[in-house]
Amino acid sequence: MPQVSQPLISVVIPVYNGERTISEAVRSVLDQTFRDYELLVINDGSQDSTMDILAKIDDPRLSVFTYSNAGLSASRNRGIKLARADYISFLDADDLWTPDKLQAQFGALQKDPEAAVCYSWTDFIDESGKRLGYGIHATYNGNVFLALLNFYFVGSGSNALIRKAAFDAVGQFDDSLKAMEDWDLFFRLAAKYHFVAVARPQILYRIVPGSLSANVLRVEQEMLKVVERAYAQEPAKPFLHLKKITLANLYLYLASRVLKGTPGRREGIGAFRFVWRAFRHNPRILKQARYVVTLVVKLASAMLLPPELAQAARTRAKSLVQAPSRAVVDKRGH
């Protein structure tokens, strides 16, 4: 059936073997209070029952496109090419949105014509969808390039609503990167456009134990590439002295990500490497005493304690591990 009207927003969900979570992800889009959108699911050569699950979802806004496997970035770029709307948002197949996500972000961009990107706060969920506590609660508006050097506050590719015209100016996702490709894109966007924030959690980012630590070397290598590219851009030239701080903060963030949920010894070892490298780049991280101590407690429990004692130690540390995410709420770009 031909589509007769252009939607205001195109939502792109890339999926590869997502049978466990794709239905819930699609439902979190279809349940949006904002209704004028198209939903493009890019099936990246799935071999499981993903397509069978999608075939049972009956909604005229949903279109499914199947390609041979090419990876997450290539799938997102395919979605950009297919998108008919002037605004695009991406949702990974294992993440979720709150029902007011599109409504709030679209409204924020309408109020700020200088902004090309709107993002929201993020909370973490586990494999079953249970909240793991606070995620990234950061509010930066306007020129955010320096803030982005300090901390990857957008948090993931499942977050932002972006004016489609901005992709013509900065390019799409770099499919040569195997991790951190969304951070790379946001650096390019921040170099040319303003950002605007919705200061409440609307992104539910799913943490799967072991998923990051299993690819820890690859993530680290790609992270270093993105940092080098960022500091090569013109807006970063006055801030070259901050490069070690950028790396230290990112290593701490990766360590905290590894230790979310119920990490085991392998995860603990991976996180220990991240914390040590953060310290080597910036010994002043010890001033973040509560956060660093909490990470160390979780490291020790993951690496040394039996599961039941490790869980008790992590529970005692939980309230402290939330602190750094919330500490940046009132900082703003200039």
Protein backbone atom coordinates (compact mmCIF):
# COMPACT_ATOMS: atom_id res chain seq x y z
CA MET A 1 0.00 0.00 0.00
CA PRO A 2 1.52 3.39 -0.97
CA GLN A 3 2.29 5.80 1.83
CA VAL A 4 0.56 9.09 1.09
CA SER A 5 1.96 11.44 3.68
CA GLN A 6 5.43 12.22 4.92
CA PRO A 7 5.90 11.52 8.64
CA LEU A 8 7.54 14.03 10.95
CA ILE A 9 9.98 11.48 12.43
CA SER A 10 11.65 8.34 11.11
CA VAL A 11 12.59 5.80 13.79
CA VAL A 12 15.27 3.27 12.79
CA ILE A 13 15.77 -0.02 14.66
CA PRO A 14 18.71 -2.11 13.43
CA VAL A 15 18.43 -5.74 14.52
CA TYR A 16 20.58 -8.84 14.23
CA ASN A 17 19.36 -12.03 15.92
CA GLY A 18 17.22 -9.99 18.30
CA GLU A 19 14.47 -12.51 19.03
CA ARG A 20 14.73 -11.98 22.80
CA THR A 21 14.17 -8.23 22.80
CA ILE A 22 12.91 -7.00 19.40
CA SER A 23 9.22 -7.21 20.27
CA GLU A 24 9.69 -5.14 23.43
CA ALA A 25 11.81 -2.57 21.58
CA VAL A 26 9.23 -2.18 18.80
CA ARG A 27 6.44 -1.92 21.36
CA SER A 28 8.26 0.91 23.16
CA VAL A 29 8.12 2.84 19.86
CA LEU A 30 4.53 1.97 19.00
CA ASP A 31 3.47 3.08 22.50
CA GLN A 32 4.85 6.60 22.01
CA THR A 33 2.51 9.47 22.80
CA PHE A 34 3.87 11.16 19.66
CA ARG A 35 2.13 9.44 16.75
CA ASP A 36 3.37 11.01 13.50
CA TYR A 37 6.32 8.76 12.68
CA GLU A 38 7.39 5.81 10.58
CA LEU A 39 9.22 2.85 12.10
CA LEU A 40 11.90 1.26 9.93
CA VAL A 41 13.31 -2.03 11.20
CA ILE A 42 16.55 -2.92 9.43
CA ASN A 43 17.01 -6.68 9.65
CA ASP A 44 20.77 -7.25 9.38
CA GLY A 45 20.67 -10.86 8.18
CA SER A 46 19.14 -12.37 11.32
CA GLN A 47 19.27 -16.17 11.53
CA ASP A 48 16.90 -16.62 14.49
CA SER A 49 13.14 -16.01 14.80
CA THR A 50 13.39 -12.20 14.60
CA MET A 51 11.52 -12.01 11.30
CA ASP A 52 8.75 -14.34 12.53
CA ILE A 53 8.23 -12.09 15.55
CA LEU A 54 8.13 -8.95 13.41
CA ALA A 55 5.65 -10.55 10.99
CA LYS A 56 3.12 -10.82 13.82
CA ILE A 57 3.19 -7.07 14.58
CA ASP A 58 0.40 -5.34 12.71
CA ASP A 59 0.88 -1.59 12.53
CA PRO A 60 0.82 0.55 9.36
CA ARG A 61 3.76 2.64 10.60
CA LEU A 62 6.06 -0.40 10.71
CA SER A 63 8.17 -1.39 7.70
CA VAL A 64 10.79 -4.15 7.76
CA PHE A 65 13.77 -4.27 5.39
CA THR A 66 16.10 -7.27 5.18
CA TYR A 67 19.73 -7.14 4.08
CA SER A 68 22.77 -9.39 4.29
CA ASN A 69 24.72 -8.95 7.50
CA ALA A 70 26.84 -5.78 7.47
CA GLY A 71 26.94 -4.58 11.08
CA LEU A 72 25.27 -1.99 13.25
CA SER A 73 26.60 1.16 11.60
CA ALA A 74 25.78 -0.04 8.09
CA SER A 75 22.25 -0.87 9.24
CA ARG A 76 21.77 2.57 10.75
CA ASN A 77 23.05 4.15 7.53
CA ARG A 78 20.60 2.06 5.51
CA GLY A 79 17.87 3.43 7.74
CA ILE A 80 19.01 7.00 7.11
CA LYS A 81 18.82 6.39 3.36
CA LEU A 82 15.29 4.97 3.63
CA ALA A 83 14.00 7.62 6.06
CA ARG A 84 11.32 9.93 4.65
CA ALA A 85 11.08 12.32 7.61
CA ASP A 86 13.09 15.43 8.43
CA TYR A 87 14.01 14.02 11.86
CA ILE A 88 15.59 10.64 12.61
CA SER A 89 16.00 8.70 15.83
CA PHE A 90 17.69 5.34 16.34
CA LEU A 91 16.87 2.58 18.82
CA ASP A 92 19.01 -0.51 19.27
CA ALA A 93 16.96 -3.70 19.36
CA ASP A 94 17.77 -4.44 23.00
CA ASP A 95 17.06 -0.97 24.39
CA LEU A 96 13.77 0.75 25.25
CA TRP A 97 12.20 4.21 25.33
CA THR A 98 9.73 5.69 27.77
CA PRO A 99 6.40 6.61 26.06
CA ASP A 100 7.09 10.37 26.11
CA LYS A 101 10.53 10.21 24.48
CA LEU A 102 9.71 11.37 20.95
CA GLN A 103 7.15 13.94 22.11
CA ALA A 104 9.60 15.63 24.47
CA GLN A 105 12.56 15.58 22.12
CA PHE A 106 10.62 16.82 19.09
CA GLY A 107 9.15 19.64 21.18
CA ALA A 108 12.61 20.64 22.43
CA LEU A 109 13.97 20.88 18.87
CA GLN A 110 10.98 22.95 17.76
CA LYS A 111 11.73 25.44 20.53
CA ASP A 112 15.42 25.72 19.58
CA PRO A 113 15.88 26.09 15.81
CA GLU A 114 19.67 26.36 16.26
CA ALA A 115 19.84 22.84 17.69
CA ALA A 116 20.15 19.83 15.40
CA VAL A 117 20.37 17.18 18.12
CA CYS A 118 18.16 16.49 21.14
CA TYR A 119 19.05 13.87 23.75
CA SER A 120 17.61 12.68 27.05
CA TRP A 121 18.88 11.14 30.27
CA THR A 122 19.60 7.40 30.33
CA ASP A 123 18.90 4.75 32.94
CA PHE A 124 20.24 1.20 32.85
CA ILE A 125 18.14 -1.99 32.82
CA ASP A 126 19.17 -5.63 33.08
CA GLU A 127 18.40 -8.54 30.76
CA SER A 128 14.86 -8.85 32.10
CA GLY A 129 14.13 -5.11 31.86
CA LYS A 130 14.56 -4.40 35.58
CA ARG A 131 16.08 -1.02 36.42
CA LEU A 132 19.69 -1.15 37.58
CA GLY A 133 19.60 2.36 39.00
CA TYR A 134 20.64 5.68 37.56
CA GLY A 135 22.47 5.82 34.28
CA ILE A 136 23.72 9.03 32.66
CA HIS A 137 21.86 12.10 33.91
CA ALA A 138 23.68 14.94 32.21
CA THR A 139 22.30 18.24 30.94
CA TYR A 140 24.36 20.19 28.43
CA ASN A 141 22.81 22.64 25.97
CA GLY A 142 24.13 24.74 23.10
CA ASN A 143 27.74 24.26 22.04
CA VAL A 144 28.57 20.97 23.75
CA PHE A 145 31.84 20.01 22.05
CA LEU A 146 33.97 20.64 25.14
CA ALA A 147 31.48 18.79 27.32
CA LEU A 148 31.58 15.85 24.93
CA LEU A 149 35.37 15.78 25.19
CA ASN A 150 35.02 15.55 28.96
CA PHE A 151 32.35 12.86 29.08
CA TYR A 152 30.22 10.87 26.61
CA PHE A 153 27.00 12.21 28.07
CA VAL A 154 24.69 11.09 25.22
CA GLY A 155 25.51 7.56 26.28
CA SER A 156 24.45 5.50 23.26
CA GLY A 157 23.08 5.45 19.74
CA SER A 158 19.60 4.77 21.12
CA ASN A 159 19.20 8.28 22.47
CA ALA A 160 19.16 11.28 20.17
CA LEU A 161 16.64 12.79 17.79
CA ILE A 162 18.60 14.36 14.92
CA ARG A 163 17.64 16.66 12.06
CA LYS A 164 18.16 14.63 8.89
CA ALA A 165 19.80 17.58 7.13
CA ALA A 166 22.67 17.38 9.64
CA PHE A 167 23.77 14.04 8.16
CA ASP A 168 24.29 15.76 4.80
CA ALA A 169 26.74 18.13 6.53
CA VAL A 170 28.69 15.73 8.78
CA GLY A 171 28.24 12.32 7.18
CA GLN A 172 26.70 9.15 8.56
CA PHE A 173 27.92 6.49 10.98
CA ASP A 174 31.45 5.30 10.20
CA ASP A 175 31.04 1.59 9.49
CA SER A 176 34.80 1.05 9.72
CA LEU A 177 34.46 1.49 13.49
CA LYS A 178 33.38 -1.64 15.38
CA ALA A 179 32.54 0.21 18.61
CA MET A 180 32.01 3.81 19.80
CA GLU A 181 30.72 4.77 16.34
CA ASP A 182 27.87 6.77 17.88
CA TRP A 183 30.31 8.86 19.98
CA ASP A 184 32.27 9.54 16.78
CA LEU A 185 29.11 10.80 15.05
CA PHE A 186 28.17 13.05 17.96
CA PHE A 187 31.60 14.68 17.89
CA ARG A 188 31.07 15.56 14.24
CA LEU A 189 27.58 16.86 14.96
CA ALA A 190 28.76 18.89 17.97
CA ALA A 191 31.45 20.54 15.84
CA LYS A 192 28.75 22.15 13.67
CA TYR A 193 25.47 22.20 15.60
CA HIS A 194 23.95 22.96 18.98
CA PHE A 195 22.51 20.24 21.19
CA VAL A 196 19.48 20.50 23.48
CA ALA A 197 18.67 18.21 26.43
CA VAL A 198 15.48 16.75 27.86
CA ALA A 199 16.35 16.57 31.55
CA ARG A 200 14.63 13.33 32.50
CA PRO A 201 15.37 9.63 31.91
CA GLN A 202 13.75 8.46 28.68
CA ILE A 203 16.31 5.94 27.41
CA LEU A 204 16.49 2.50 29.04
CA TYR A 205 19.85 1.02 28.08
CA ARG A 206 20.09 -2.72 28.54
CA ILE A 207 23.21 -4.04 30.25
CA VAL A 208 24.01 -7.68 29.50
CA PRO A 209 26.71 -9.06 31.85
CA GLY A 210 29.88 -9.81 29.94
CA SER A 211 28.77 -8.10 26.71
CA LEU A 212 31.26 -5.24 27.00
CA SER A 213 34.08 -7.03 28.76
CA ALA A 214 34.07 -9.84 26.19
CA ASN A 215 35.11 -7.29 23.57
CA VAL A 216 37.17 -5.11 25.86
CA LEU A 217 40.24 -4.87 23.62
CA ARG A 218 38.20 -3.97 20.56
CA VAL A 219 36.24 -1.34 22.48
CA GLU A 220 39.45 0.19 23.80
CA GLN A 221 41.06 0.32 20.35
CA GLU A 222 38.04 1.96 18.75
CA MET A 223 37.72 4.38 21.67
CA LEU A 224 41.27 5.57 21.12
CA LYS A 225 40.58 6.10 17.41
CA VAL A 226 37.52 8.22 18.19
CA VAL A 227 39.44 10.35 20.70
CA GLU A 228 42.20 10.98 18.16
CA ARG A 229 39.65 12.01 15.55
CA ALA A 230 37.86 14.29 17.98
CA TYR A 231 41.01 16.14 18.97
CA ALA A 232 41.91 16.57 15.30
CA GLN A 233 38.76 18.62 14.73
CA GLU A 234 38.98 22.39 14.79
CA PRO A 235 36.82 22.97 17.91
CA ALA A 236 39.18 20.76 19.93
CA LYS A 237 42.37 22.68 19.09
CA PRO A 238 42.21 24.95 22.18
CA PHE A 239 41.70 21.93 24.43
CA LEU A 240 44.53 19.59 23.47
CA HIS A 241 45.79 19.74 27.05
CA LEU A 242 42.61 17.97 28.17
CA LYS A 243 43.24 14.83 26.16
CA LYS A 244 44.47 12.75 29.09
CA ILE A 245 41.42 13.80 31.11
CA THR A 246 39.17 12.71 28.24
CA LEU A 247 40.80 9.28 28.21
CA ALA A 248 40.71 8.93 31.99
CA ASN A 249 37.02 9.81 32.19
CA LEU A 250 36.16 7.41 29.39
CA TYR A 251 38.11 4.57 31.00
CA LEU A 252 36.20 5.17 34.25
CA TYR A 253 32.92 5.15 32.36
CA LEU A 254 33.81 1.87 30.66
CA ALA A 255 34.82 0.36 34.00
CA SER A 256 31.47 1.30 35.54
CA ARG A 257 29.67 -0.17 32.51
CA VAL A 258 31.51 -3.47 32.84
CA LEU A 259 30.60 -3.65 36.53
CA LYS A 260 26.88 -3.01 36.07
CA GLY A 261 24.59 -5.92 36.80
CA THR A 262 26.18 -9.06 38.21
CA PRO A 263 29.78 -9.13 36.99
CA GLY A 264 32.01 -12.15 37.41
CA ARG A 265 35.77 -12.54 37.68
CA ARG A 266 36.38 -11.94 33.96
CA GLU A 267 34.39 -8.71 34.09
CA GLY A 268 36.25 -7.67 37.21
CA ILE A 269 39.63 -8.13 35.54
CA GLY A 270 38.51 -6.12 32.52
CA ALA A 271 37.22 -3.30 34.71
CA PHE A 272 40.43 -3.29 36.75
CA ARG A 273 42.39 -2.63 33.56
CA PHE A 274 40.12 0.31 32.78
CA VAL A 275 40.44 1.83 36.26
CA TRP A 276 44.23 1.45 36.21
CA ARG A 277 44.48 3.11 32.81
CA ALA A 278 42.22 5.92 33.96
CA PHE A 279 44.56 6.53 36.91
CA ARG A 280 47.63 6.49 34.64
CA HIS A 281 46.11 9.13 32.37
CA ASN A 282 44.88 11.31 35.22
CA PRO A 283 45.96 10.54 38.82
CA ARG A 284 43.62 13.30 39.98
CA ILE A 285 40.68 10.93 39.51
CA LEU A 286 41.39 9.94 43.12
CA LYS A 287 39.67 13.20 44.06
CA GLN A 288 36.46 11.50 42.92
CA ALA A 289 36.90 9.49 46.07
CA ARG A 290 33.40 8.07 46.54
CA TYR A 291 33.14 6.96 42.91
CA VAL A 292 36.60 5.40 42.71
CA VAL A 293 36.24 3.65 46.07
CA THR A 294 32.90 2.24 44.95
CA LEU A 295 34.44 0.93 41.74
CA VAL A 296 37.24 -0.69 43.73
CA VAL A 297 34.69 -2.39 46.02
CA LYS A 298 32.85 -3.78 43.02
CA LEU A 299 36.13 -4.83 41.42
CA ALA A 300 37.24 -6.69 44.51
CA SER A 301 33.89 -8.37 45.00
CA ALA A 302 33.74 -9.51 41.37
CA MET A 303 37.29 -10.86 41.39
CA LEU A 304 37.68 -12.31 44.88
CA LEU A 305 34.39 -13.10 46.60
CA PRO A 306 31.90 -15.97 46.24
CA PRO A 307 28.75 -14.91 44.35
CA GLU A 308 26.52 -14.43 47.43
CA LEU A 309 29.09 -12.28 49.26
CA ALA A 310 29.93 -10.39 46.08
CA GLN A 311 26.28 -9.46 45.63
CA ALA A 312 26.08 -8.18 49.21
CA ALA A 313 29.16 -6.01 48.67
CA ARG A 314 27.76 -4.63 45.42
CA THR A 315 24.47 -3.80 47.12
CA ARG A 316 26.28 -1.78 49.79
CA ALA A 317 28.22 0.07 47.09
CA LYS A 318 25.22 0.73 44.84
CA SER A 319 24.20 4.10 46.23
CA LEU A 320 27.72 5.45 45.74
CA VAL A 321 28.12 4.12 42.20
CA GLN A 322 25.15 6.28 41.18
CA ALA A 323 26.86 9.49 42.27
CA PRO A 324 29.05 10.37 39.26
CA SER A 325 26.23 10.02 36.75
CA ARG A 326 24.11 12.50 38.67
CA ALA A 327 26.94 14.86 39.53
CA VAL A 328 27.01 16.38 36.06
CA VAL A 329 23.33 17.29 35.89
CA ASP A 330 23.81 21.03 36.35
CA LYS A 331 26.85 21.49 34.14
CA ARG A 332 26.15 23.12 30.81
CA GLY A 333 28.02 23.79 27.57
CA HIS A 334 28.70 27.31 26.44
